[in-house]
């Protein structure tokens, strides 16, 4: 699981590229700026 900055254009570009290459779906992408992020990941 990658916790990335969804407000950073460079970060998002890399995550898009990784997601496109991740054919088996082994990576979960979590935007730390999502409204519910703190609720879903209180330890982060």
ModelCIF file with pLDDT and N, C-alpha, C, O atoms, coordinates in Angstrom:
data_MODEL
#
_entry.id   MODEL 
#
_entity.id                         1 
_entity.type                       polymer 
_entity.pdbx_number_of_molecules   1 
#
_entity_poly.entity_id                      1 
_entity_poly.type                           'polypeptide(L)' 
_entity_poly.nstd_linkage                   no 
_entity_poly.nstd_monomer                   no 
_entity_poly.pdbx_seq_one_letter_code       
;(UNK)(UNK)(UNK)(UNK)(UNK)(UNK)(UNK)(UNK)(UNK)(UNK)(UNK)(UNK)(UNK)(UNK)(UNK)(UNK)
(UNK)(UNK)(UNK)(UNK)(UNK)(UNK)(UNK)(UNK)(UNK)(UNK)(UNK)(UNK)(UNK)(UNK)(UNK)(UNK)
(UNK)(UNK)(UNK)(UNK)(UNK)(UNK)(UNK)(UNK)(UNK)(UNK)(UNK)(UNK)
;
_entity_poly.pdbx_seq_one_letter_code_can   XXXXXXXXXXXXXXXXXXXXXXXXXXXXXXXXXXXXXXXXXXXX 
_entity_poly.pdbx_strand_id                 A 
#
loop_
_entity_poly_seq.entity_id 
_entity_poly_seq.num 
_entity_poly_seq.mon_id 
_entity_poly_seq.hetero 
1 1  UNK n 
1 2  UNK n 
1 3  UNK n 
1 4  UNK n 
1 5  UNK n 
1 6  UNK n 
1 7  UNK n 
1 8  UNK n 
1 9  UNK n 
1 10 UNK n 
1 11 UNK n 
1 12 UNK n 
1 13 UNK n 
1 14 UNK n 
1 15 UNK n 
1 16 UNK n 
1 17 UNK n 
1 18 UNK n 
1 19 UNK n 
1 20 UNK n 
1 21 UNK n 
1 22 UNK n 
1 23 UNK n 
1 24 UNK n 
1 25 UNK n 
1 26 UNK n 
1 27 UNK n 
1 28 UNK n 
1 29 UNK n 
1 30 UNK n 
1 31 UNK n 
1 32 UNK n 
1 33 UNK n 
1 34 UNK n 
1 35 UNK n 
1 36 UNK n 
1 37 UNK n 
1 38 UNK n 
1 39 UNK n 
1 40 UNK n 
1 41 UNK n 
1 42 UNK n 
1 43 UNK n 
1 44 UNK n 
#
_struct_asym.id          A 
_struct_asym.entity_id   1 
#
loop_
_ma_qa_metric.id 
_ma_qa_metric.mode 
_ma_qa_metric.name 
_ma_qa_metric.software_group_id 
_ma_qa_metric.type 
1 global pLDDT . pLDDT 
2 local  pLDDT . pLDDT 
#
_ma_qa_metric_global.metric_id      1 
_ma_qa_metric_global.metric_value   95.16 
_ma_qa_metric_global.model_id       1 
_ma_qa_metric_global.ordinal_id     1 
#
loop_
_ma_qa_metric_local.label_asym_id 
_ma_qa_metric_local.label_comp_id 
_ma_qa_metric_local.label_seq_id 
_ma_qa_metric_local.metric_id 
_ma_qa_metric_local.metric_value 
_ma_qa_metric_local.model_id 
_ma_qa_metric_local.ordinal_id 
A UNK 1  2 98.00 1 1  
A UNK 2  2 98.00 1 2  
A UNK 3  2 98.00 1 3  
A UNK 4  2 96.00 1 4  
A UNK 5  2 94.00 1 5  
A UNK 6  2 93.00 1 6  
A UNK 7  2 92.00 1 7  
A UNK 8  2 92.00 1 8  
A UNK 9  2 91.00 1 9  
A UNK 10 2 90.00 1 10 
A UNK 11 2 92.00 1 11 
A UNK 12 2 92.00 1 12 
A UNK 13 2 91.00 1 13 
A UNK 14 2 94.00 1 14 
A UNK 15 2 96.00 1 15 
A UNK 16 2 95.00 1 16 
A UNK 17 2 96.00 1 17 
A UNK 18 2 97.00 1 18 
A UNK 19 2 96.00 1 19 
A UNK 20 2 97.00 1 20 
A UNK 21 2 97.00 1 21 
A UNK 22 2 97.00 1 22 
A UNK 23 2 95.00 1 23 
A UNK 24 2 93.00 1 24 
A UNK 25 2 95.00 1 25 
A UNK 26 2 96.00 1 26 
A UNK 27 2 98.00 1 27 
A UNK 28 2 97.00 1 28 
A UNK 29 2 97.00 1 29 
A UNK 30 2 96.00 1 30 
A UNK 31 2 96.00 1 31 
A UNK 32 2 96.00 1 32 
A UNK 33 2 93.00 1 33 
A UNK 34 2 93.00 1 34 
A UNK 35 2 93.00 1 35 
A UNK 36 2 96.00 1 36 
A UNK 37 2 96.00 1 37 
A UNK 38 2 96.00 1 38 
A UNK 39 2 97.00 1 39 
A UNK 40 2 97.00 1 40 
A UNK 41 2 97.00 1 41 
A UNK 42 2 97.00 1 42 
A UNK 43 2 95.00 1 43 
A UNK 44 2 96.00 1 44 
#
loop_
_atom_site.group_PDB 
_atom_site.id 
_atom_site.type_symbol 
_atom_site.label_atom_id 
_atom_site.label_alt_id 
_atom_site.label_comp_id 
_atom_site.label_asym_id 
_atom_site.label_entity_id 
_atom_site.label_seq_id 
_atom_site.pdbx_PDB_ins_code 
_atom_site.Cartn_x 
_atom_site.Cartn_y 
_atom_site.Cartn_z 
_atom_site.occupancy 
_atom_site.B_iso_or_equiv 
_atom_site.pdbx_formal_charge 
_atom_site.auth_seq_id 
_atom_site.auth_comp_id 
_atom_site.auth_asym_id 
_atom_site.auth_atom_id 
_atom_site.pdbx_PDB_model_num 
ATOM 1   N N  . UNK A 1 1  ? 0.872   -1.172 0.000   1.00 98.00 ? 1  UNK A N  1 
ATOM 2   C CA . UNK A 1 1  ? 0.000   0.000  0.000   1.00 98.00 ? 1  UNK A CA 1 
ATOM 3   C C  . UNK A 1 1  ? 0.905   1.217  0.000   1.00 98.00 ? 1  UNK A C  1 
ATOM 4   O O  . UNK A 1 1  ? 1.806   1.333  0.831   1.00 98.00 ? 1  UNK A O  1 
ATOM 5   N N  . UNK A 1 2  ? 0.661   2.124  -0.938  1.00 98.00 ? 2  UNK A N  1 
ATOM 6   C CA . UNK A 1 2  ? 1.440   3.360  -1.022  1.00 98.00 ? 2  UNK A CA 1 
ATOM 7   C C  . UNK A 1 2  ? 0.549   4.504  -0.569  1.00 98.00 ? 2  UNK A C  1 
ATOM 8   O O  . UNK A 1 2  ? -0.567  4.672  -1.061  1.00 98.00 ? 2  UNK A O  1 
ATOM 9   N N  . UNK A 1 3  ? 1.059   5.292  0.378   1.00 98.00 ? 3  UNK A N  1 
ATOM 10  C CA . UNK A 1 3  ? 0.356   6.462  0.883   1.00 98.00 ? 3  UNK A CA 1 
ATOM 11  C C  . UNK A 1 3  ? 1.007   7.678  0.224   1.00 98.00 ? 3  UNK A C  1 
ATOM 12  O O  . UNK A 1 3  ? 2.091   8.107  0.621   1.00 98.00 ? 3  UNK A O  1 
ATOM 13  N N  . UNK A 1 4  ? 0.341   8.221  -0.777  1.00 96.00 ? 4  UNK A N  1 
ATOM 14  C CA . UNK A 1 4  ? 0.945   9.268  -1.602  1.00 96.00 ? 4  UNK A CA 1 
ATOM 15  C C  . UNK A 1 4  ? 0.207   10.600 -1.439  1.00 96.00 ? 4  UNK A C  1 
ATOM 16  O O  . UNK A 1 4  ? -0.933  10.644 -0.977  1.00 96.00 ? 4  UNK A O  1 
ATOM 17  N N  . UNK A 1 5  ? 0.882   11.676 -1.828  1.00 94.00 ? 5  UNK A N  1 
ATOM 18  C CA . UNK A 1 5  ? 0.318   13.025 -1.801  1.00 94.00 ? 5  UNK A CA 1 
ATOM 19  C C  . UNK A 1 5  ? -0.462  13.257 -3.086  1.00 94.00 ? 5  UNK A C  1 
ATOM 20  O O  . UNK A 1 5  ? 0.123   13.508 -4.140  1.00 94.00 ? 5  UNK A O  1 
ATOM 21  N N  . UNK A 1 6  ? -1.782  13.171 -2.996  1.00 93.00 ? 6  UNK A N  1 
ATOM 22  C CA . UNK A 1 6  ? -2.635  13.339 -4.158  1.00 93.00 ? 6  UNK A CA 1 
ATOM 23  C C  . UNK A 1 6  ? -2.740  14.768 -4.651  1.00 93.00 ? 6  UNK A C  1 
ATOM 24  O O  . UNK A 1 6  ? -3.396  15.023 -5.662  1.00 93.00 ? 6  UNK A O  1 
ATOM 25  N N  . UNK A 1 7  ? -2.110  15.704 -3.961  1.00 92.00 ? 7  UNK A N  1 
ATOM 26  C CA . UNK A 1 7  ? -2.099  17.096 -4.411  1.00 92.00 ? 7  UNK A CA 1 
ATOM 27  C C  . UNK A 1 7  ? -0.825  17.472 -5.136  1.00 92.00 ? 7  UNK A C  1 
ATOM 28  O O  . UNK A 1 7  ? -0.677  18.607 -5.591  1.00 92.00 ? 7  UNK A O  1 
ATOM 29  N N  . UNK A 1 8  ? 0.090   16.534 -5.248  1.00 92.00 ? 8  UNK A N  1 
ATOM 30  C CA . UNK A 1 8  ? 1.382   16.774 -5.904  1.00 92.00 ? 8  UNK A CA 1 
ATOM 31  C C  . UNK A 1 8  ? 1.332   16.216 -7.323  1.00 92.00 ? 8  UNK A C  1 
ATOM 32  O O  . UNK A 1 8  ? 1.240   15.002 -7.501  1.00 92.00 ? 8  UNK A O  1 
ATOM 33  N N  . UNK A 1 9  ? 1.391   17.075 -8.327  1.00 91.00 ? 9  UNK A N  1 
ATOM 34  C CA . UNK A 1 9  ? 1.326   16.586 -9.713  1.00 91.00 ? 9  UNK A CA 1 
ATOM 35  C C  . UNK A 1 9  ? 2.390   15.542 -10.061 1.00 91.00 ? 9  UNK A C  1 
ATOM 36  O O  . UNK A 1 9  ? 2.103   14.591 -10.789 1.00 91.00 ? 9  UNK A O  1 
ATOM 37  N N  . UNK A 1 10 ? 3.608   15.705 -9.555  1.00 90.00 ? 10 UNK A N  1 
ATOM 38  C CA . UNK A 1 10 ? 4.654   14.708 -9.844  1.00 90.00 ? 10 UNK A CA 1 
ATOM 39  C C  . UNK A 1 10 ? 4.346   13.375 -9.175  1.00 90.00 ? 10 UNK A C  1 
ATOM 40  O O  . UNK A 1 10 ? 4.525   12.314 -9.773  1.00 90.00 ? 10 UNK A O  1 
ATOM 41  N N  . UNK A 1 11 ? 3.881   13.438 -7.932  1.00 92.00 ? 11 UNK A N  1 
ATOM 42  C CA . UNK A 1 11 ? 3.543   12.213 -7.204  1.00 92.00 ? 11 UNK A CA 1 
ATOM 43  C C  . UNK A 1 11 ? 2.417   11.477 -7.915  1.00 92.00 ? 11 UNK A C  1 
ATOM 44  O O  . UNK A 1 11 ? 2.479   10.261 -8.100  1.00 92.00 ? 11 UNK A O  1 
ATOM 45  N N  . UNK A 1 12 ? 1.391   12.217 -8.312  1.00 92.00 ? 12 UNK A N  1 
ATOM 46  C CA . UNK A 1 12 ? 0.250   11.622 -8.996  1.00 92.00 ? 12 UNK A CA 1 
ATOM 47  C C  . UNK A 1 12 ? 0.683   11.026 -10.331 1.00 92.00 ? 12 UNK A C  1 
ATOM 48  O O  . UNK A 1 12 ? 0.210   9.956  -10.715 1.00 92.00 ? 12 UNK A O  1 
ATOM 49  N N  . UNK A 1 13 ? 1.562   11.696 -11.027 1.00 91.00 ? 13 UNK A N  1 
ATOM 50  C CA . UNK A 1 13 ? 2.050   11.168 -12.310 1.00 91.00 ? 13 UNK A CA 1 
ATOM 51  C C  . UNK A 1 13 ? 2.745   9.823  -12.109 1.00 91.00 ? 13 UNK A C  1 
ATOM 52  O O  . UNK A 1 13 ? 2.526   8.889  -12.880 1.00 91.00 ? 13 UNK A O  1 
ATOM 53  N N  . UNK A 1 14 ? 3.579   9.723  -11.078 1.00 94.00 ? 14 UNK A N  1 
ATOM 54  C CA . UNK A 1 14 ? 4.257   8.450  -10.814 1.00 94.00 ? 14 UNK A CA 1 
ATOM 55  C C  . UNK A 1 14 ? 3.252   7.374  -10.417 1.00 94.00 ? 14 UNK A C  1 
ATOM 56  O O  . UNK A 1 14 ? 3.370   6.231  -10.859 1.00 94.00 ? 14 UNK A O  1 
ATOM 57  N N  . UNK A 1 15 ? 2.267   7.717  -9.594  1.00 96.00 ? 15 UNK A N  1 
ATOM 58  C CA . UNK A 1 15 ? 1.261   6.738  -9.173  1.00 96.00 ? 15 UNK A CA 1 
ATOM 59  C C  . UNK A 1 15 ? 0.433   6.259  -10.371 1.00 96.00 ? 15 UNK A C  1 
ATOM 60  O O  . UNK A 1 15 ? 0.110   5.075  -10.468 1.00 96.00 ? 15 UNK A O  1 
ATOM 61  N N  . UNK A 1 16 ? 0.097   7.164  -11.269 1.00 95.00 ? 16 UNK A N  1 
ATOM 62  C CA . UNK A 1 16 ? -0.631  6.773  -12.492 1.00 95.00 ? 16 UNK A CA 1 
ATOM 63  C C  . UNK A 1 16 ? 0.191   5.766  -13.298 1.00 95.00 ? 16 UNK A C  1 
ATOM 64  O O  . UNK A 1 16 ? -0.329  4.760  -13.782 1.00 95.00 ? 16 UNK A O  1 
ATOM 65  N N  . UNK A 1 17 ? 1.482   6.060  -13.429 1.00 96.00 ? 17 UNK A N  1 
ATOM 66  C CA . UNK A 1 17 ? 2.359   5.175  -14.194 1.00 96.00 ? 17 UNK A CA 1 
ATOM 67  C C  . UNK A 1 17 ? 2.446   3.805  -13.527 1.00 96.00 ? 17 UNK A C  1 
ATOM 68  O O  . UNK A 1 17 ? 2.346   2.776  -14.195 1.00 96.00 ? 17 UNK A O  1 
ATOM 69  N N  . UNK A 1 18 ? 2.632   3.796  -12.216 1.00 97.00 ? 18 UNK A N  1 
ATOM 70  C CA . UNK A 1 18 ? 2.704   2.526  -11.485 1.00 97.00 ? 18 UNK A CA 1 
ATOM 71  C C  . UNK A 1 18 ? 1.395   1.750  -11.619 1.00 97.00 ? 18 UNK A C  1 
ATOM 72  O O  . UNK A 1 18 ? 1.403   0.541  -11.847 1.00 97.00 ? 18 UNK A O  1 
ATOM 73  N N  . UNK A 1 19 ? 0.280   2.450  -11.475 1.00 96.00 ? 19 UNK A N  1 
ATOM 74  C CA . UNK A 1 19 ? -1.017  1.781  -11.554 1.00 96.00 ? 19 UNK A CA 1 
ATOM 75  C C  . UNK A 1 19 ? -1.219  1.150  -12.935 1.00 96.00 ? 19 UNK A C  1 
ATOM 76  O O  . UNK A 1 19 ? -1.750  0.045  -13.047 1.00 96.00 ? 19 UNK A O  1 
ATOM 77  N N  . UNK A 1 20 ? -0.797  1.850  -13.966 1.00 97.00 ? 20 UNK A N  1 
ATOM 78  C CA . UNK A 1 20 ? -0.912  1.328  -15.336 1.00 97.00 ? 20 UNK A CA 1 
ATOM 79  C C  . UNK A 1 20 ? -0.070  0.059  -15.495 1.00 97.00 ? 20 UNK A C  1 
ATOM 80  O O  . UNK A 1 20 ? -0.494  -0.882 -16.166 1.00 97.00 ? 20 UNK A O  1 
ATOM 81  N N  . UNK A 1 21 ? 1.112   0.027  -14.888 1.00 97.00 ? 21 UNK A N  1 
ATOM 82  C CA . UNK A 1 21 ? 2.004   -1.126 -14.995 1.00 97.00 ? 21 UNK A CA 1 
ATOM 83  C C  . UNK A 1 21 ? 1.612   -2.275 -14.069 1.00 97.00 ? 21 UNK A C  1 
ATOM 84  O O  . UNK A 1 21 ? 2.035   -3.413 -14.276 1.00 97.00 ? 21 UNK A O  1 
ATOM 85  N N  . UNK A 1 22 ? 0.816   -1.985 -13.063 1.00 97.00 ? 22 UNK A N  1 
ATOM 86  C CA . UNK A 1 22 ? 0.446   -2.979 -12.046 1.00 97.00 ? 22 UNK A CA 1 
ATOM 87  C C  . UNK A 1 22 ? -0.711  -3.850 -12.530 1.00 97.00 ? 22 UNK A C  1 
ATOM 88  O O  . UNK A 1 22 ? -1.809  -3.804 -11.976 1.00 97.00 ? 22 UNK A O  1 
ATOM 89  N N  . UNK A 1 23 ? -0.456  -4.634 -13.556 1.00 95.00 ? 23 UNK A N  1 
ATOM 90  C CA . UNK A 1 23 ? -1.487  -5.491 -14.159 1.00 95.00 ? 23 UNK A CA 1 
ATOM 91  C C  . UNK A 1 23 ? -2.106  -6.476 -13.166 1.00 95.00 ? 23 UNK A C  1 
ATOM 92  O O  . UNK A 1 23 ? -3.321  -6.673 -13.190 1.00 95.00 ? 23 UNK A O  1 
ATOM 93  N N  . UNK A 1 24 ? -1.300  -7.107 -12.284 1.00 93.00 ? 24 UNK A N  1 
ATOM 94  C CA . UNK A 1 24 ? -1.913  -8.041 -11.342 1.00 93.00 ? 24 UNK A CA 1 
ATOM 95  C C  . UNK A 1 24 ? -2.657  -7.350 -10.182 1.00 93.00 ? 24 UNK A C  1 
ATOM 96  O O  . UNK A 1 24 ? -3.366  -8.016 -9.427  1.00 93.00 ? 24 UNK A O  1 
ATOM 97  N N  . UNK A 1 25 ? -2.505  -6.045 -10.036 1.00 95.00 ? 25 UNK A N  1 
ATOM 98  C CA . UNK A 1 25 ? -3.189  -5.320 -8.962  1.00 95.00 ? 25 UNK A CA 1 
ATOM 99  C C  . UNK A 1 25 ? -2.585  -5.573 -7.592  1.00 95.00 ? 25 UNK A C  1 
ATOM 100 O O  . UNK A 1 25 ? -3.312  -5.704 -6.607  1.00 95.00 ? 25 UNK A O  1 
ATOM 101 N N  . UNK A 1 26 ? -1.268  -5.641 -7.521  1.00 96.00 ? 26 UNK A N  1 
ATOM 102 C CA . UNK A 1 26 ? -0.573  -5.900 -6.263  1.00 96.00 ? 26 UNK A CA 1 
ATOM 103 C C  . UNK A 1 26 ? -0.415  -4.670 -5.380  1.00 96.00 ? 26 UNK A C  1 
ATOM 104 O O  . UNK A 1 26 ? -0.075  -4.790 -4.203  1.00 96.00 ? 26 UNK A O  1 
ATOM 105 N N  . UNK A 1 27 ? -0.659  -3.494 -5.936  1.00 98.00 ? 27 UNK A N  1 
ATOM 106 C CA . UNK A 1 27 ? -0.430  -2.250 -5.200  1.00 98.00 ? 27 UNK A CA 1 
ATOM 107 C C  . UNK A 1 27 ? -1.763  -1.562 -4.925  1.00 98.00 ? 27 UNK A C  1 
ATOM 108 O O  . UNK A 1 27 ? -2.617  -1.444 -5.804  1.00 98.00 ? 27 UNK A O  1 
ATOM 109 N N  . UNK A 1 28 ? -1.914  -1.119 -3.702  1.00 97.00 ? 28 UNK A N  1 
ATOM 110 C CA . UNK A 1 28 ? -3.072  -0.308 -3.314  1.00 97.00 ? 28 UNK A CA 1 
ATOM 111 C C  . UNK A 1 28 ? -2.571  1.129  -3.171  1.00 97.00 ? 28 UNK A C  1 
ATOM 112 O O  . UNK A 1 28 ? -1.567  1.370  -2.500  1.00 97.00 ? 28 UNK A O  1 
ATOM 113 N N  . UNK A 1 29 ? -3.249  2.065  -3.783  1.00 97.00 ? 29 UNK A N  1 
ATOM 114 C CA . UNK A 1 29 ? -2.859  3.474  -3.770  1.00 97.00 ? 29 UNK A CA 1 
ATOM 115 C C  . UNK A 1 29 ? -3.796  4.244  -2.859  1.00 97.00 ? 29 UNK A C  1 
ATOM 116 O O  . UNK A 1 29 ? -5.011  4.221  -3.057  1.00 97.00 ? 29 UNK A O  1 
ATOM 117 N N  . UNK A 1 30 ? -3.245  4.928  -1.859  1.00 96.00 ? 30 UNK A N  1 
ATOM 118 C CA . UNK A 1 30 ? -4.049  5.684  -0.905  1.00 96.00 ? 30 UNK A CA 1 
ATOM 119 C C  . UNK A 1 30 ? -3.582  7.133  -0.866  1.00 96.00 ? 30 UNK A C  1 
ATOM 120 O O  . UNK A 1 30 ? -2.435  7.423  -0.528  1.00 96.00 ? 30 UNK A O  1 
ATOM 121 N N  . UNK A 1 31 ? -4.487  8.029  -1.217  1.00 96.00 ? 31 UNK A N  1 
ATOM 122 C CA . UNK A 1 31 ? -4.216  9.467  -1.213  1.00 96.00 ? 31 UNK A CA 1 
ATOM 123 C C  . UNK A 1 31 ? -4.318  9.991  0.220   1.00 96.00 ? 31 UNK A C  1 
ATOM 124 O O  . UNK A 1 31 ? -5.382  9.912  0.833   1.00 96.00 ? 31 UNK A O  1 
ATOM 125 N N  . UNK A 1 32 ? -3.235  10.515 0.745   1.00 96.00 ? 32 UNK A N  1 
ATOM 126 C CA . UNK A 1 32 ? -3.247  11.012 2.130   1.00 96.00 ? 32 UNK A CA 1 
ATOM 127 C C  . UNK A 1 32 ? -4.116  12.249 2.299   1.00 96.00 ? 32 UNK A C  1 
ATOM 128 O O  . UNK A 1 32 ? -4.393  12.658 3.427   1.00 96.00 ? 32 UNK A O  1 
ATOM 129 N N  . UNK A 1 33 ? -4.549  12.847 1.201   1.00 93.00 ? 33 UNK A N  1 
ATOM 130 C CA . UNK A 1 33 ? -5.409  14.028 1.262   1.00 93.00 ? 33 UNK A CA 1 
ATOM 131 C C  . UNK A 1 33 ? -6.893  13.688 1.124   1.00 93.00 ? 33 UNK A C  1 
ATOM 132 O O  . UNK A 1 33 ? -7.736  14.585 1.143   1.00 93.00 ? 33 UNK A O  1 
ATOM 133 N N  . UNK A 1 34 ? -7.214  12.417 0.989   1.00 93.00 ? 34 UNK A N  1 
ATOM 134 C CA . UNK A 1 34 ? -8.621  12.013 0.883   1.00 93.00 ? 34 UNK A CA 1 
ATOM 135 C C  . UNK A 1 34 ? -9.355  12.393 2.167   1.00 93.00 ? 34 UNK A C  1 
ATOM 136 O O  . UNK A 1 34 ? -8.796  12.313 3.261   1.00 93.00 ? 34 UNK A O  1 
ATOM 137 N N  . UNK A 1 35 ? -10.599 12.801 2.022   1.00 93.00 ? 35 UNK A N  1 
ATOM 138 C CA . UNK A 1 35 ? -11.387 13.255 3.173   1.00 93.00 ? 35 UNK A CA 1 
ATOM 139 C C  . UNK A 1 35 ? -11.461 12.227 4.296   1.00 93.00 ? 35 UNK A C  1 
ATOM 140 O O  . UNK A 1 35 ? -11.462 12.594 5.471   1.00 93.00 ? 35 UNK A O  1 
ATOM 141 N N  . UNK A 1 36 ? -11.523 10.959 3.950   1.00 96.00 ? 36 UNK A N  1 
ATOM 142 C CA . UNK A 1 36 ? -11.674 9.917  4.973   1.00 96.00 ? 36 UNK A CA 1 
ATOM 143 C C  . UNK A 1 36 ? -10.363 9.213  5.333   1.00 96.00 ? 36 UNK A C  1 
ATOM 144 O O  . UNK A 1 36 ? -10.376 8.191  6.019   1.00 96.00 ? 36 UNK A O  1 
ATOM 145 N N  . UNK A 1 37 ? -9.238  9.755  4.876   1.00 96.00 ? 37 UNK A N  1 
ATOM 146 C CA . UNK A 1 37 ? -7.955  9.072  5.098   1.00 96.00 ? 37 UNK A CA 1 
ATOM 147 C C  . UNK A 1 37 ? -7.669  8.867  6.586   1.00 96.00 ? 37 UNK A C  1 
ATOM 148 O O  . UNK A 1 37 ? -7.309  7.764  6.995   1.00 96.00 ? 37 UNK A O  1 
ATOM 149 N N  . UNK A 1 38 ? -7.821  9.906  7.395   1.00 96.00 ? 38 UNK A N  1 
ATOM 150 C CA . UNK A 1 38 ? -7.518  9.797  8.839   1.00 96.00 ? 38 UNK A CA 1 
ATOM 151 C C  . UNK A 1 38 ? -8.424  8.773  9.524   1.00 96.00 ? 38 UNK A C  1 
ATOM 152 O O  . UNK A 1 38 ? -8.002  8.110  10.472  1.00 96.00 ? 38 UNK A O  1 
ATOM 153 N N  . UNK A 1 39 ? -9.654  8.641  9.057   1.00 97.00 ? 39 UNK A N  1 
ATOM 154 C CA . UNK A 1 39 ? -10.559 7.654  9.633   1.00 97.00 ? 39 UNK A CA 1 
ATOM 155 C C  . UNK A 1 39 ? -10.140 6.239  9.259   1.00 97.00 ? 39 UNK A C  1 
ATOM 156 O O  . UNK A 1 39 ? -10.190 5.330  10.088  1.00 97.00 ? 39 UNK A O  1 
ATOM 157 N N  . UNK A 1 40 ? -9.727  6.056  8.009   1.00 97.00 ? 40 UNK A N  1 
ATOM 158 C CA . UNK A 1 40 ? -9.344  4.717  7.540   1.00 97.00 ? 40 UNK A CA 1 
ATOM 159 C C  . UNK A 1 40 ? -7.956  4.298  7.988   1.00 97.00 ? 40 UNK A C  1 
ATOM 160 O O  . UNK A 1 40 ? -7.687  3.108  8.151   1.00 97.00 ? 40 UNK A O  1 
ATOM 161 N N  . UNK A 1 41 ? -7.067  5.274  8.190   1.00 97.00 ? 41 UNK A N  1 
ATOM 162 C CA . UNK A 1 41 ? -5.677  4.972  8.571   1.00 97.00 ? 41 UNK A CA 1 
ATOM 163 C C  . UNK A 1 41 ? -5.248  5.838  9.759   1.00 97.00 ? 41 UNK A C  1 
ATOM 164 O O  . UNK A 1 41 ? -4.358  6.678  9.623   1.00 97.00 ? 41 UNK A O  1 
ATOM 165 N N  . UNK A 1 42 ? -5.866  5.639  10.908  1.00 97.00 ? 42 UNK A N  1 
ATOM 166 C CA . UNK A 1 42 ? -5.551  6.497  12.063  1.00 97.00 ? 42 UNK A CA 1 
ATOM 167 C C  . UNK A 1 42 ? -4.106  6.371  12.558  1.00 97.00 ? 42 UNK A C  1 
ATOM 168 O O  . UNK A 1 42 ? -3.597  7.276  13.219  1.00 97.00 ? 42 UNK A O  1 
ATOM 169 N N  . UNK A 1 43 ? -3.457  5.269  12.247  1.00 95.00 ? 43 UNK A N  1 
ATOM 170 C CA . UNK A 1 43 ? -2.072  5.074  12.706  1.00 95.00 ? 43 UNK A CA 1 
ATOM 171 C C  . UNK A 1 43 ? -1.059  5.805  11.841  1.00 95.00 ? 43 UNK A C  1 
ATOM 172 O O  . UNK A 1 43 ? 0.108   5.910  12.219  1.00 95.00 ? 43 UNK A O  1 
ATOM 173 N N  . UNK A 1 44 ? -1.481  6.317  10.681  1.00 96.00 ? 44 UNK A N  1 
ATOM 174 C CA . UNK A 1 44 ? -0.563  7.013  9.775   1.00 96.00 ? 44 UNK A CA 1 
ATOM 175 C C  . UNK A 1 44 ? -0.693  8.513  9.997   1.00 96.00 ? 44 UNK A C  1 
ATOM 176 O O  . UNK A 1 44 ? -0.010  9.297  9.338   1.00 96.00 ? 44 UNK A O  1 
#
